[in-house]
Amino acid sequence: MKELDPVAFTVQLGRLYEQSRKSGTVSVTMKRMTERRVVMATKTKKETPKGGEAVLDKTRNPEDVQYPCLVRATFKNTKLSTVVPVEDLDKFQNAYTTVIKAYMDSLKKKERTRKPKKQKTAA
């Protein structure tokens, strides 16, 4: 899984959506990064993710902590992920919305079959 910064993630996500126009689907998940996830990411990468310092700070009030957001995207065998700090979340959401709107035209309308309505019988 590639770990990218938020800007590069949105660019790569656009490329995934472009590839999915022919066939396949892109799946995007967003999760709040809990303290446990921040600790695991710190151990594997040997550095704390941006925005994770506030989570690991034990002197802060637990209600005041703002958690970063973990965003993952998959398309066939390609996996991307990024950690978005709270300060950059609005900027990321705007960029993500732009990418989604740009590739919204490739969606297909669901085909629905109409069932005949039942006639009421007078008794």
PDB file of N, CA and C in Angstrom:
ATOM      1  N   MET A   1       0.856  -1.178   0.000  1.00  0.00           N
ATOM      2  CA  MET A   1       0.000   0.000   0.000  1.00  0.00           C
ATOM      3  C   MET A   1       0.895   1.231   0.000  1.00  0.00           C
ATOM      4  N   LYS A   2       0.627   2.115  -0.918  1.00  0.00           N
ATOM      5  CA  LYS A   2       1.403   3.361  -0.995  1.00  0.00           C
ATOM      6  C   LYS A   2       0.863   4.365   0.011  1.00  0.00           C
ATOM      7  N   GLU A   3       1.753   4.933   0.786  1.00  0.00           N
ATOM      8  CA  GLU A   3       1.390   6.002   1.718  1.00  0.00           C
ATOM      9  C   GLU A   3       1.774   7.321   1.054  1.00  0.00           C
ATOM     10  N   LEU A   4       0.785   8.162   0.775  1.00  0.00           N
ATOM     11  CA  LEU A   4       1.009   9.415   0.059  1.00  0.00           C
ATOM     12  C   LEU A   4       0.589  10.600   0.911  1.00  0.00           C
ATOM     13  N   ASP A   5       1.062  11.784   0.535  1.00  0.00           N
ATOM     14  CA  ASP A   5       0.558  12.986   1.186  1.00  0.00           C
ATOM     15  C   ASP A   5      -0.818  13.286   0.580  1.00  0.00           C
ATOM     16  N   PRO A   6      -1.653  14.090   1.254  1.00  0.00           N
ATOM     17  CA  PRO A   6      -3.033  14.292   0.792  1.00  0.00           C
ATOM     18  C   PRO A   6      -3.170  14.831  -0.632  1.00  0.00           C
ATOM     19  N   VAL A   7      -2.276  15.709  -1.060  1.00  0.00           N
ATOM     20  CA  VAL A   7      -2.379  16.275  -2.415  1.00  0.00           C
ATOM     21  C   VAL A   7      -2.078  15.200  -3.460  1.00  0.00           C
ATOM     22  N   ALA A   8      -1.003  14.453  -3.248  1.00  0.00           N
ATOM     23  CA  ALA A   8      -0.650  13.380  -4.185  1.00  0.00           C
ATOM     24  C   ALA A   8      -1.721  12.288  -4.183  1.00  0.00           C
ATOM     25  N   PHE A   9      -2.359  12.076  -3.040  1.00  0.00           N
ATOM     26  CA  PHE A   9      -3.426  11.079  -2.943  1.00  0.00           C
ATOM     27  C   PHE A   9      -4.593  11.447  -3.849  1.00  0.00           C
ATOM     28  N   THR A  10      -5.002  12.720  -3.838  1.00  0.00           N
ATOM     29  CA  THR A  10      -6.125  13.128  -4.680  1.00  0.00           C
ATOM     30  C   THR A  10      -5.764  13.025  -6.163  1.00  0.00           C
ATOM     31  N   VAL A  11      -4.509  13.300  -6.515  1.00  0.00           N
ATOM     32  CA  VAL A  11      -4.082  13.169  -7.911  1.00  0.00           C
ATOM     33  C   VAL A  11      -4.135  11.704  -8.330  1.00  0.00           C
ATOM     34  N   GLN A  12      -3.595  10.812  -7.492  1.00  0.00           N
ATOM     35  CA  GLN A  12      -3.615   9.384  -7.801  1.00  0.00           C
ATOM     36  C   GLN A  12      -5.045   8.840  -7.819  1.00  0.00           C
ATOM     37  N   LEU A  13      -5.892   9.363  -6.941  1.00  0.00           N
ATOM     38  CA  LEU A  13      -7.287   8.938  -6.910  1.00  0.00           C
ATOM     39  C   LEU A  13      -7.984   9.287  -8.220  1.00  0.00           C
ATOM     40  N   GLY A  14      -7.678  10.455  -8.761  1.00  0.00           N
ATOM     41  CA  GLY A  14      -8.220  10.836 -10.066  1.00  0.00           C
ATOM     42  C   GLY A  14      -7.780   9.873 -11.156  1.00  0.00           C
ATOM     43  N   ARG A  15      -6.534   9.423 -11.087  1.00  0.00           N
ATOM     44  CA  ARG A  15      -6.050   8.452 -12.071  1.00  0.00           C
ATOM     45  C   ARG A  15      -6.766   7.112 -11.923  1.00  0.00           C
ATOM     46  N   LEU A  16      -7.022   6.719 -10.680  1.00  0.00           N
ATOM     47  CA  LEU A  16      -7.759   5.468 -10.459  1.00  0.00           C
ATOM     48  C   LEU A  16      -9.172   5.563 -11.036  1.00  0.00           C
ATOM     49  N   TYR A  17      -9.836   6.698 -10.818  1.00  0.00           N
ATOM     50  CA  TYR A  17     -11.174   6.879 -11.379  1.00  0.00           C
ATOM     51  C   TYR A  17     -11.134   6.872 -12.903  1.00  0.00           C
ATOM     52  N   GLU A  18     -10.083   7.424 -13.484  1.00  0.00           N
ATOM     53  CA  GLU A  18      -9.938   7.418 -14.944  1.00  0.00           C
ATOM     54  C   GLU A  18      -9.799   5.984 -15.454  1.00  0.00           C
ATOM     55  N   GLN A  19      -9.016   5.166 -14.765  1.00  0.00           N
ATOM     56  CA  GLN A  19      -8.839   3.767 -15.163  1.00  0.00           C
ATOM     57  C   GLN A  19     -10.128   2.966 -14.977  1.00  0.00           C
ATOM     58  N   SER A  20     -10.932   3.346 -13.980  1.00  0.00           N
ATOM     59  CA  SER A  20     -12.137   2.576 -13.686  1.00  0.00           C
ATOM     60  C   SER A  20     -13.271   2.872 -14.667  1.00  0.00           C
ATOM     61  N   ARG A  21     -13.105   3.844 -15.549  1.00  0.00           N
ATOM     62  CA  ARG A  21     -14.160   4.135 -16.522  1.00  0.00           C
ATOM     63  C   ARG A  21     -14.379   2.952 -17.462  1.00  0.00           C
ATOM     64  N   LYS A  22     -13.303   2.223 -17.790  1.00  0.00           N
ATOM     65  CA  LYS A  22     -13.423   1.080 -18.688  1.00  0.00           C
ATOM     66  C   LYS A  22     -14.031  -0.108 -17.963  1.00  0.00           C
ATOM     67  N   SER A  23     -13.481  -0.451 -16.825  1.00  0.00           N
ATOM     68  CA  SER A  23     -14.033  -1.556 -16.038  1.00  0.00           C
ATOM     69  C   SER A  23     -13.486  -1.474 -14.620  1.00  0.00           C
ATOM     70  N   GLY A  24     -14.263  -1.989 -13.670  1.00  0.00           N
ATOM     71  CA  GLY A  24     -13.837  -2.017 -12.291  1.00  0.00           C
ATOM     72  C   GLY A  24     -14.454  -0.914 -11.468  1.00  0.00           C
ATOM     73  N   THR A  25     -14.222  -0.982 -10.169  1.00  0.00           N
ATOM     74  CA  THR A  25     -14.740   0.020  -9.247  1.00  0.00           C
ATOM     75  C   THR A  25     -13.637   0.502  -8.330  1.00  0.00           C
ATOM     76  N   VAL A  26     -13.781   1.719  -7.884  1.00  0.00           N
ATOM     77  CA  VAL A  26     -12.856   2.303  -6.916  1.00  0.00           C
ATOM     78  C   VAL A  26     -13.579   2.362  -5.578  1.00  0.00           C
ATOM     79  N   SER A  27     -12.934   1.875  -4.547  1.00  0.00           N
ATOM     80  CA  SER A  27     -13.507   1.887  -3.213  1.00  0.00           C
ATOM     81  C   SER A  27     -12.687   2.820  -2.330  1.00  0.00           C
ATOM     82  N   VAL A  28     -13.350   3.779  -1.684  1.00  0.00           N
ATOM     83  CA  VAL A  28     -12.676   4.743  -0.817  1.00  0.00           C
ATOM     84  C   VAL A  28     -13.270   4.627   0.580  1.00  0.00           C
ATOM     85  N   THR A  29     -12.397   4.536   1.583  1.00  0.00           N
ATOM     86  CA  THR A  29     -12.852   4.492   2.973  1.00  0.00           C
ATOM     87  C   THR A  29     -12.163   5.602   3.755  1.00  0.00           C
ATOM     88  N   MET A  30     -12.886   6.164   4.712  1.00  0.00           N
ATOM     89  CA  MET A  30     -12.344   7.188   5.606  1.00  0.00           C
ATOM     90  C   MET A  30     -12.609   6.743   7.032  1.00  0.00           C
ATOM     91  N   LYS A  31     -11.558   6.822   7.857  1.00  0.00           N
ATOM     92  CA  LYS A  31     -11.691   6.437   9.253  1.00  0.00           C
ATOM     93  C   LYS A  31     -10.997   7.472  10.131  1.00  0.00           C
ATOM     94  N   ARG A  32     -11.493   7.591  11.329  1.00  0.00           N
ATOM     95  CA  ARG A  32     -10.813   8.409  12.316  1.00  0.00           C
ATOM     96  C   ARG A  32      -9.638   7.595  12.844  1.00  0.00           C
ATOM     97  N   MET A  33      -8.474   8.200  12.911  1.00  0.00           N
ATOM     98  CA  MET A  33      -7.301   7.500  13.411  1.00  0.00           C
ATOM     99  C   MET A  33      -7.310   7.544  14.923  1.00  0.00           C
ATOM    100  N   THR A  34      -7.535   6.413  15.541  1.00  0.00           N
ATOM    101  CA  THR A  34      -7.560   6.340  16.993  1.00  0.00           C
ATOM    102  C   THR A  34      -6.138   6.309  17.531  1.00  0.00           C
ATOM    103  N   GLU A  35      -6.030   6.365  18.835  1.00  0.00           N
ATOM    104  CA  GLU A  35      -4.707   6.353  19.469  1.00  0.00           C
ATOM    105  C   GLU A  35      -3.953   5.071  19.122  1.00  0.00           C
ATOM    106  N   ARG A  36      -4.664   3.953  19.086  1.00  0.00           N
ATOM    107  CA  ARG A  36      -4.027   2.678  18.771  1.00  0.00           C
ATOM    108  C   ARG A  36      -3.448   2.684  17.354  1.00  0.00           C
ATOM    109  N   ARG A  37      -4.191   3.230  16.400  1.00  0.00           N
ATOM    110  CA  ARG A  37      -3.701   3.287  15.019  1.00  0.00           C
ATOM    111  C   ARG A  37      -2.503   4.220  14.886  1.00  0.00           C
ATOM    112  N   VAL A  38      -2.516   5.317  15.624  1.00  0.00           N
ATOM    113  CA  VAL A  38      -1.391   6.249  15.576  1.00  0.00           C
ATOM    114  C   VAL A  38      -0.141   5.575  16.125  1.00  0.00           C
ATOM    115  N   VAL A  39      -0.281   4.835  17.212  1.00  0.00           N
ATOM    116  CA  VAL A  39       0.868   4.138  17.804  1.00  0.00           C
ATOM    117  C   VAL A  39       1.407   3.091  16.830  1.00  0.00           C
ATOM    118  N   MET A  40       0.517   2.336  16.186  1.00  0.00           N
ATOM    119  CA  MET A  40       0.958   1.321  15.224  1.00  0.00           C
ATOM    120  C   MET A  40       1.669   1.968  14.037  1.00  0.00           C
ATOM    121  N   ALA A  41       1.148   3.073  13.534  1.00  0.00           N
ATOM    122  CA  ALA A  41       1.776   3.769  12.407  1.00  0.00           C
ATOM    123  C   ALA A  41       3.132   4.330  12.802  1.00  0.00           C
ATOM    124  N   THR A  42       3.248   4.788  14.046  1.00  0.00           N
ATOM    125  CA  THR A  42       4.514   5.321  14.529  1.00  0.00           C
ATOM    126  C   THR A  42       5.563   4.222  14.602  1.00  0.00           C
ATOM    127  N   LYS A  43       5.168   3.040  15.040  1.00  0.00           N
ATOM    128  CA  LYS A  43       6.114   1.929  15.155  1.00  0.00           C
ATOM    129  C   LYS A  43       6.578   1.444  13.788  1.00  0.00           C
ATOM    130  N   THR A  44       5.685   1.361  12.826  1.00  0.00           N
ATOM    131  CA  THR A  44       6.060   0.825  11.519  1.00  0.00           C
ATOM    132  C   THR A  44       6.862   1.815  10.680  1.00  0.00           C
ATOM    133  N   LYS A  45       6.562   3.095  10.789  1.00  0.00           N
ATOM    134  CA  LYS A  45       7.241   4.089   9.955  1.00  0.00           C
ATOM    135  C   LYS A  45       8.353   4.834  10.676  1.00  0.00           C
ATOM    136  N   LYS A  46       8.488   4.605  11.949  1.00  0.00           N
ATOM    137  CA  LYS A  46       9.512   5.257  12.774  1.00  0.00           C
ATOM    138  C   LYS A  46       9.316   6.762  12.886  1.00  0.00           C
ATOM    139  N   GLU A  47       8.131   7.236  12.522  1.00  0.00           N
ATOM    140  CA  GLU A  47       7.789   8.650  12.723  1.00  0.00           C
ATOM    141  C   GLU A  47       6.288   8.761  12.947  1.00  0.00           C
ATOM    142  N   THR A  48       5.907   9.775  13.706  1.00  0.00           N
ATOM    143  CA  THR A  48       4.496   9.981  14.006  1.00  0.00           C
ATOM    144  C   THR A  48       3.812  10.632  12.813  1.00  0.00           C
ATOM    145  N   PRO A  49       2.632  10.133  12.413  1.00  0.00           N
ATOM    146  CA  PRO A  49       1.906  10.773  11.312  1.00  0.00           C
ATOM    147  C   PRO A  49       1.556  12.218  11.654  1.00  0.00           C
ATOM    148  N   LYS A  50       1.467  13.060  10.631  1.00  0.00           N
ATOM    149  CA  LYS A  50       1.131  14.466  10.843  1.00  0.00           C
ATOM    150  C   LYS A  50      -0.227  14.561  11.521  1.00  0.00           C
ATOM    151  N   GLY A  51      -0.304  15.278  12.603  1.00  0.00           N
ATOM    152  CA  GLY A  51      -1.534  15.399  13.366  1.00  0.00           C
ATOM    153  C   GLY A  51      -1.637  14.370  14.477  1.00  0.00           C
ATOM    154  N   GLY A  52      -0.725  13.413  14.519  1.00  0.00           N
ATOM    155  CA  GLY A  52      -0.772  12.361  15.524  1.00  0.00           C
ATOM    156  C   GLY A  52      -0.125  12.740  16.846  1.00  0.00           C
ATOM    157  N   GLU A  53       0.627  13.832  16.855  1.00  0.00           N
ATOM    158  CA  GLU A  53       1.294  14.246  18.095  1.00  0.00           C
ATOM    159  C   GLU A  53       0.275  14.605  19.166  1.00  0.00           C
ATOM    160  N   ALA A  54      -0.806  15.253  18.772  1.00  0.00           N
ATOM    161  CA  ALA A  54      -1.841  15.653  19.725  1.00  0.00           C
ATOM    162  C   ALA A  54      -2.540  14.441  20.322  1.00  0.00           C
ATOM    163  N   VAL A  55      -2.653  13.387  19.557  1.00  0.00           N
ATOM    164  CA  VAL A  55      -3.310  12.175  20.038  1.00  0.00           C
ATOM    165  C   VAL A  55      -2.454  11.493  21.092  1.00  0.00           C
ATOM    166  N   LEU A  56      -1.145  11.480  20.864  1.00  0.00           N
ATOM    167  CA  LEU A  56      -0.237  10.787  21.777  1.00  0.00           C
ATOM    168  C   LEU A  56       0.126  11.610  23.009  1.00  0.00           C
ATOM    169  N   ASP A  57      -0.207  12.902  23.003  1.00  0.00           N
ATOM    170  CA  ASP A  57       0.116  13.772  24.133  1.00  0.00           C
ATOM    171  C   ASP A  57      -0.781  13.424  25.321  1.00  0.00           C
ATOM    172  N   LYS A  58      -0.189  12.894  26.381  1.00  0.00           N
ATOM    173  CA  LYS A  58      -0.963  12.436  27.548  1.00  0.00           C
ATOM    174  C   LYS A  58      -1.373  13.582  28.478  1.00  0.00           C
ATOM    175  N   THR A  59      -0.796  14.767  28.301  1.00  0.00           N
ATOM    176  CA  THR A  59      -1.118  15.882  29.196  1.00  0.00           C
ATOM    177  C   THR A  59      -2.417  16.587  28.795  1.00  0.00           C
ATOM    178  N   ARG A  60      -2.912  16.344  27.591  1.00  0.00           N
ATOM    179  CA  ARG A  60      -4.137  17.001  27.117  1.00  0.00           C
ATOM    180  C   ARG A  60      -5.371  16.303  27.660  1.00  0.00           C
ATOM    181  N   ASN A  61      -6.437  17.055  27.701  1.00  0.00           N
ATOM    182  CA  ASN A  61      -7.734  16.520  28.100  1.00  0.00           C
ATOM    183  C   ASN A  61      -8.246  15.618  26.967  1.00  0.00           C
ATOM    184  N   PRO A  62      -8.688  14.393  27.253  1.00  0.00           N
ATOM    185  CA  PRO A  62      -9.125  13.485  26.182  1.00  0.00           C
ATOM    186  C   PRO A  62     -10.271  14.028  25.328  1.00  0.00           C
ATOM    187  N   GLU A  63     -11.116  14.888  25.882  1.00  0.00           N
ATOM    188  CA  GLU A  63     -12.219  15.444  25.102  1.00  0.00           C
ATOM    189  C   GLU A  63     -11.745  16.492  24.100  1.00  0.00           C
ATOM    190  N   ASP A  64     -10.572  17.085  24.326  1.00  0.00           N
ATOM    191  CA  ASP A  64     -10.070  18.141  23.456  1.00  0.00           C
ATOM    192  C   ASP A  64      -9.247  17.617  22.279  1.00  0.00           C
ATOM    193  N   VAL A  65      -8.943  16.340  22.261  1.00  0.00           N
ATOM    194  CA  VAL A  65      -8.092  15.785  21.217  1.00  0.00           C
ATOM    195  C   VAL A  65      -8.864  15.689  19.903  1.00  0.00           C
ATOM    196  N   GLN A  66      -8.239  16.156  18.832  1.00  0.00           N
ATOM    197  CA  GLN A  66      -8.823  16.043  17.500  1.00  0.00           C
ATOM    198  C   GLN A  66      -7.982  15.036  16.724  1.00  0.00           C
ATOM    199  N   TYR A  67      -8.622  13.991  16.244  1.00  0.00           N
ATOM    200  CA  TYR A  67      -7.925  12.893  15.609  1.00  0.00           C
ATOM    201  C   TYR A  67      -7.762  13.124  14.115  1.00  0.00           C
ATOM    202  N   PRO A  68      -6.606  12.722  13.551  1.00  0.00           N
ATOM    203  CA  PRO A  68      -6.453  12.800  12.099  1.00  0.00           C
ATOM    204  C   PRO A  68      -7.338  11.769  11.413  1.00  0.00           C
ATOM    205  N   CYS A  69      -7.473  11.900  10.106  1.00  0.00           N
ATOM    206  CA  CYS A  69      -8.353  11.032   9.319  1.00  0.00           C
ATOM    207  C   CYS A  69      -7.498  10.144   8.414  1.00  0.00           C
ATOM    208  N   LEU A  70      -7.775   8.850   8.420  1.00  0.00           N
ATOM    209  CA  LEU A  70      -7.090   7.892   7.565  1.00  0.00           C
ATOM    210  C   LEU A  70      -7.984   7.624   6.361  1.00  0.00           C
ATOM    211  N   VAL A  71      -7.447   7.849   5.159  1.00  0.00           N
ATOM    212  CA  VAL A  71      -8.218   7.665   3.932  1.00  0.00           C
ATOM    213  C   VAL A  71      -7.515   6.605   3.090  1.00  0.00           C
ATOM    214  N   ARG A  72      -8.284   5.606   2.654  1.00  0.00           N
ATOM    215  CA  ARG A  72      -7.738   4.535   1.824  1.00  0.00           C
ATOM    216  C   ARG A  72      -8.567   4.409   0.558  1.00  0.00           C
ATOM    217  N   ALA A  73      -7.888   4.064  -0.544  1.00  0.00           N
ATOM    218  CA  ALA A  73      -8.559   3.824  -1.814  1.00  0.00           C
ATOM    219  C   ALA A  73      -8.001   2.551  -2.435  1.00  0.00           C
ATOM    220  N   THR A  74      -8.876   1.738  -3.023  1.00  0.00           N
ATOM    221  CA  THR A  74      -8.445   0.515  -3.701  1.00  0.00           C
ATOM    222  C   THR A  74      -9.105   0.436  -5.064  1.00  0.00           C
ATOM    223  N   PHE A  75      -8.341  -0.050  -6.019  1.00  0.00           N
ATOM    224  CA  PHE A  75      -8.839  -0.318  -7.374  1.00  0.00           C
ATOM    225  C   PHE A  75      -8.063  -1.511  -7.891  1.00  0.00           C
ATOM    226  N   LYS A  76      -8.760  -2.628  -8.091  1.00  0.00           N
ATOM    227  CA  LYS A  76      -8.136  -3.884  -8.501  1.00  0.00           C
ATOM    228  C   LYS A  76      -6.987  -4.207  -7.552  1.00  0.00           C
ATOM    229  N   ASN A  77      -5.736  -4.196  -8.002  1.00  0.00           N
ATOM    230  CA  ASN A  77      -4.603  -4.513  -7.119  1.00  0.00           C
ATOM    231  C   ASN A  77      -3.884  -3.280  -6.600  1.00  0.00           C
ATOM    232  N   THR A  78      -4.377  -2.091  -6.920  1.00  0.00           N
ATOM    233  CA  THR A  78      -3.744  -0.846  -6.502  1.00  0.00           C
ATOM    234  C   THR A  78      -4.365  -0.353  -5.202  1.00  0.00           C
ATOM    235  N   LYS A  79      -3.514  -0.085  -4.214  1.00  0.00           N
ATOM    236  CA  LYS A  79      -3.995   0.418  -2.930  1.00  0.00           C
ATOM    237  C   LYS A  79      -3.243   1.695  -2.584  1.00  0.00           C
ATOM    238  N   LEU A  80      -3.993   2.720  -2.178  1.00  0.00           N
ATOM    239  CA  LEU A  80      -3.423   4.000  -1.775  1.00  0.00           C
ATOM    240  C   LEU A  80      -3.938   4.354  -0.389  1.00  0.00           C
ATOM    241  N   SER A  81      -3.160   5.110   0.353  1.00  0.00           N
ATOM    242  CA  SER A  81      -3.635   5.596   1.647  1.00  0.00           C
ATOM    243  C   SER A  81      -2.958   6.918   1.971  1.00  0.00           C
ATOM    244  N   THR A  82      -3.610   7.679   2.841  1.00  0.00           N
ATOM    245  CA  THR A  82      -3.050   8.931   3.323  1.00  0.00           C
ATOM    246  C   THR A  82      -3.618   9.226   4.699  1.00  0.00           C
ATOM    247  N   VAL A  83      -2.881  10.002   5.459  1.00  0.00           N
ATOM    248  CA  VAL A  83      -3.346  10.470   6.758  1.00  0.00           C
ATOM    249  C   VAL A  83      -3.516  11.978   6.644  1.00  0.00           C
ATOM    250  N   VAL A  84      -4.740  12.434   6.885  1.00  0.00           N
ATOM    251  CA  VAL A  84      -5.052  13.853   6.755  1.00  0.00           C
ATOM    252  C   VAL A  84      -5.150  14.459   8.153  1.00  0.00           C
ATOM    253  N   PRO A  85      -4.261  15.417   8.483  1.00  0.00           N
ATOM    254  CA  PRO A  85      -4.369  16.060   9.794  1.00  0.00           C
ATOM    255  C   PRO A  85      -5.611  16.939   9.878  1.00  0.00           C
ATOM    256  N   VAL A  86      -6.026  17.230  11.074  1.00  0.00           N
ATOM    257  CA  VAL A  86      -7.253  17.999  11.300  1.00  0.00           C
ATOM    258  C   VAL A  86      -7.158  19.376  10.657  1.00  0.00           C
ATOM    259  N   GLU A  87      -5.982  19.984  10.692  1.00  0.00           N
ATOM    260  CA  GLU A  87      -5.821  21.330  10.137  1.00  0.00           C
ATOM    261  C   GLU A  87      -6.050  21.359   8.630  1.00  0.00           C
ATOM    262  N   ASP A  88      -5.723  20.265   7.933  1.00  0.00           N
ATOM    263  CA  ASP A  88      -5.833  20.230   6.475  1.00  0.00           C
ATOM    264  C   ASP A  88      -7.092  19.525   5.988  1.00  0.00           C
ATOM    265  N   LEU A  89      -7.978  19.169   6.893  1.00  0.00           N
ATOM    266  CA  LEU A  89      -9.144  18.371   6.513  1.00  0.00           C
ATOM    267  C   LEU A  89     -10.075  19.125   5.560  1.00  0.00           C
ATOM    268  N   ASP A  90     -10.302  20.412   5.785  1.00  0.00           N
ATOM    269  CA  ASP A  90     -11.175  21.188   4.898  1.00  0.00           C
ATOM    270  C   ASP A  90     -10.592  21.272   3.487  1.00  0.00           C
ATOM    271  N   LYS A  91      -9.299  21.522   3.405  1.00  0.00           N
ATOM    272  CA  LYS A  91      -8.643  21.617   2.108  1.00  0.00           C
ATOM    273  C   LYS A  91      -8.705  20.268   1.377  1.00  0.00           C
ATOM    274  N   PHE A  92      -8.483  19.182   2.119  1.00  0.00           N
ATOM    275  CA  PHE A  92      -8.555  17.852   1.525  1.00  0.00           C
ATOM    276  C   PHE A  92      -9.970  17.535   1.061  1.00  0.00           C
ATOM    277  N   GLN A  93     -10.965  17.872   1.867  1.00  0.00           N
ATOM    278  CA  GLN A  93     -12.352  17.600   1.491  1.00  0.00           C
ATOM    279  C   GLN A  93     -12.730  18.333   0.202  1.00  0.00           C
ATOM    280  N   ASN A  94     -12.260  19.568   0.061  1.00  0.00           N
ATOM    281  CA  ASN A  94     -12.533  20.327  -1.166  1.00  0.00           C
ATOM    282  C   ASN A  94     -11.884  19.667  -2.383  1.00  0.00           C
ATOM    283  N   ALA A  95     -10.629  19.229  -2.232  1.00  0.00           N
ATOM    284  CA  ALA A  95      -9.937  18.570  -3.337  1.00  0.00           C
ATOM    285  C   ALA A  95     -10.593  17.230  -3.659  1.00  0.00           C
ATOM    286  N   TYR A  96     -10.984  16.492  -2.637  1.00  0.00           N
ATOM    287  CA  TYR A  96     -11.639  15.194  -2.821  1.00  0.00           C
ATOM    288  C   TYR A  96     -12.991  15.372  -3.513  1.00  0.00           C
ATOM    289  N   THR A  97     -13.737  16.388  -3.114  1.00  0.00           N
ATOM    290  CA  THR A  97     -15.028  16.672  -3.742  1.00  0.00           C
ATOM    291  C   THR A  97     -14.858  17.022  -5.210  1.00  0.00           C
ATOM    292  N   THR A  98     -13.831  17.774  -5.535  1.00  0.00           N
ATOM    293  CA  THR A  98     -13.563  18.133  -6.925  1.00  0.00           C
ATOM    294  C   THR A  98     -13.293  16.888  -7.763  1.00  0.00           C
ATOM    295  N   VAL A  99     -12.498  15.967  -7.226  1.00  0.00           N
ATOM    296  CA  VAL A  99     -12.193  14.725  -7.944  1.00  0.00           C
ATOM    297  C   VAL A  99     -13.460  13.898  -8.132  1.00  0.00           C
ATOM    298  N   ILE A 100     -14.262  13.794  -7.087  1.00  0.00           N
ATOM    299  CA  ILE A 100     -15.497  13.010  -7.170  1.00  0.00           C
ATOM    300  C   ILE A 100     -16.437  13.608  -8.223  1.00  0.00           C
ATOM    301  N   LYS A 101     -16.606  14.918  -8.213  1.00  0.00           N
ATOM    302  CA  LYS A 101     -17.502  15.567  -9.174  1.00  0.00           C
ATOM    303  C   LYS A 101     -16.998  15.411 -10.609  1.00  0.00           C
ATOM    304  N   ALA A 102     -15.680  15.423 -10.792  1.00  0.00           N
ATOM    305  CA  ALA A 102     -15.115  15.311 -12.130  1.00  0.00           C
ATOM    306  C   ALA A 102     -15.404  13.952 -12.750  1.00  0.00           C
ATOM    307  N   TYR A 103     -15.473  12.903 -11.933  1.00  0.00           N
ATOM    308  CA  TYR A 103     -15.671  11.554 -12.457  1.00  0.00           C
ATOM    309  C   TYR A 103     -17.060  11.004 -12.135  1.00  0.00           C
ATOM    310  N   MET A 104     -17.977  11.871 -11.751  1.00  0.00           N
ATOM    311  CA  MET A 104     -19.330  11.444 -11.428  1.00  0.00           C
ATOM    312  C   MET A 104     -20.107  11.040 -12.682  1.00  0.00           C
ATOM    313  N   ASP A 105     -19.705  11.517 -13.855  1.00  0.00           N
ATOM    314  CA  ASP A 105     -20.447  11.241 -15.073  1.00  0.00           C
ATOM    315  C   ASP A 105     -20.335   9.792 -15.528  1.00  0.00           C
ATOM    316  N   SER A 106     -19.383   9.040 -15.003  1.00  0.00           N
ATOM    317  CA  SER A 106     -19.227   7.653 -15.432  1.00  0.00           C
ATOM    318  C   SER A 106     -20.119   6.694 -14.645  1.00  0.00           C
ATOM    319  N   LEU A 107     -20.947   7.227 -13.754  1.00  0.00           N
ATOM    320  CA  LEU A 107     -21.857   6.371 -13.010  1.00  0.00           C
ATOM    321  C   LEU A 107     -22.989   5.901 -13.918  1.00  0.00           C
ATOM    322  N   LYS A 108     -23.457   4.697 -13.665  1.00  0.00           N
ATOM    323  CA  LYS A 108     -24.551   4.159 -14.450  1.00  0.00           C
ATOM    324  C   LYS A 108     -25.813   4.169 -13.613  1.00  0.00           C
ATOM    325  N   LYS A 109     -26.915   4.519 -14.252  1.00  0.00           N
ATOM    326  CA  LYS A 109     -28.185   4.542 -13.545  1.00  0.00           C
ATOM    327  C   LYS A 109     -28.677   3.120 -13.340  1.00  0.00           C
ATOM    328  N   LYS A 110     -29.193   2.847 -12.174  1.00  0.00           N
ATOM    329  CA  LYS A 110     -29.663   1.520 -11.830  1.00  0.00           C
ATOM    330  C   LYS A 110     -30.949   1.223 -12.604  1.00  0.00           C
ATOM    331  N   GLU A 111     -30.992   0.050 -13.228  1.00  0.00           N
ATOM    332  CA  GLU A 111     -32.182  -0.339 -13.966  1.00  0.00           C
ATOM    333  C   GLU A 111     -33.207  -0.909 -12.996  1.00  0.00           C
ATOM    334  N   ARG A 112     -34.406  -0.411 -13.091  1.00  0.00           N
ATOM    335  CA  ARG A 112     -35.472  -0.866 -12.205  1.00  0.00           C
ATOM    336  C   ARG A 112     -36.581  -1.465 -13.043  1.00  0.00           C
ATOM    337  N   THR A 113     -37.093  -2.560 -12.583  1.00  0.00           N
ATOM    338  CA  THR A 113     -38.221  -3.167 -13.274  1.00  0.00           C
ATOM    339  C   THR A 113     -39.488  -2.790 -12.529  1.00  0.00           C
ATOM    340  N   ARG A 114     -40.485  -2.425 -13.283  1.00  0.00           N
ATOM    341  CA  ARG A 114     -41.750  -2.026 -12.665  1.00  0.00           C
ATOM    342  C   ARG A 114     -42.628  -3.251 -12.476  1.00  0.00           C
ATOM    343  N   LYS A 115     -43.156  -3.367 -11.294  1.00  0.00           N
ATOM    344  CA  LYS A 115     -44.078  -4.457 -11.007  1.00  0.00           C
ATOM    345  C   LYS A 115     -45.497  -3.959 -11.255  1.00  0.00           C
ATOM    346  N   PRO A 116     -46.314  -4.803 -11.846  1.00  0.00           N
ATOM    347  CA  PRO A 116     -47.696  -4.354 -12.073  1.00  0.00           C
ATOM    348  C   PRO A 116     -48.428  -4.179 -10.754  1.00  0.00           C
ATOM    349  N   LYS A 117     -49.211  -3.114 -10.687  1.00  0.00           N
ATOM    350  CA  LYS A 117     -49.958  -2.846  -9.465  1.00  0.00           C
ATOM    351  C   LYS A 117     -51.133  -3.806  -9.340  1.00  0.00           C
ATOM    352  N   LYS A 118     -51.393  -4.223  -8.134  1.00  0.00           N
ATOM    353  CA  LYS A 118     -52.502  -5.148  -7.891  1.00  0.00           C
ATOM    354  C   LYS A 118     -53.812  -4.360  -7.893  1.00  0.00           C
ATOM    355  N   GLN A 119     -54.809  -4.965  -8.507  1.00  0.00           N
ATOM    356  CA  GLN A 119     -56.131  -4.352  -8.562  1.00  0.00           C
ATOM    357  C   GLN A 119     -56.882  -4.658  -7.253  1.00  0.00           C
ATOM    358  N   LYS A 120     -57.526  -3.640  -6.748  1.00  0.00           N
ATOM    359  CA  LYS A 120     -58.356  -3.857  -5.567  1.00  0.00           C
ATOM    360  C   LYS A 120     -59.670  -4.495  -6.003  1.00  0.00           C
ATOM    361  N   THR A 121     -60.077  -5.514  -5.309  1.00  0.00           N
ATOM    362  CA  THR A 121     -61.335  -6.167  -5.642  1.00  0.00           C
ATOM    363  C   THR A 121     -62.388  -5.743  -4.632  1.00  0.00           C
ATOM    364  N   ALA A 122     -63.569  -5.469  -5.139  1.00  0.00           N
ATOM    365  CA  ALA A 122     -64.668  -5.075  -4.252  1.00  0.00           C
ATOM    366  C   ALA A 122     -65.336  -6.335  -3.733  1.00  0.00           C
ATOM    367  N   ALA A 123     -65.575  -6.396  -2.446  1.00  0.00           N
ATOM    368  CA  ALA A 123     -66.178  -7.599  -1.878  1.00  0.00           C
ATOM    369  C   ALA A 123     -67.608  -7.358  -1.481  1.00  0.00           C
TER     370      ALA A 123
END
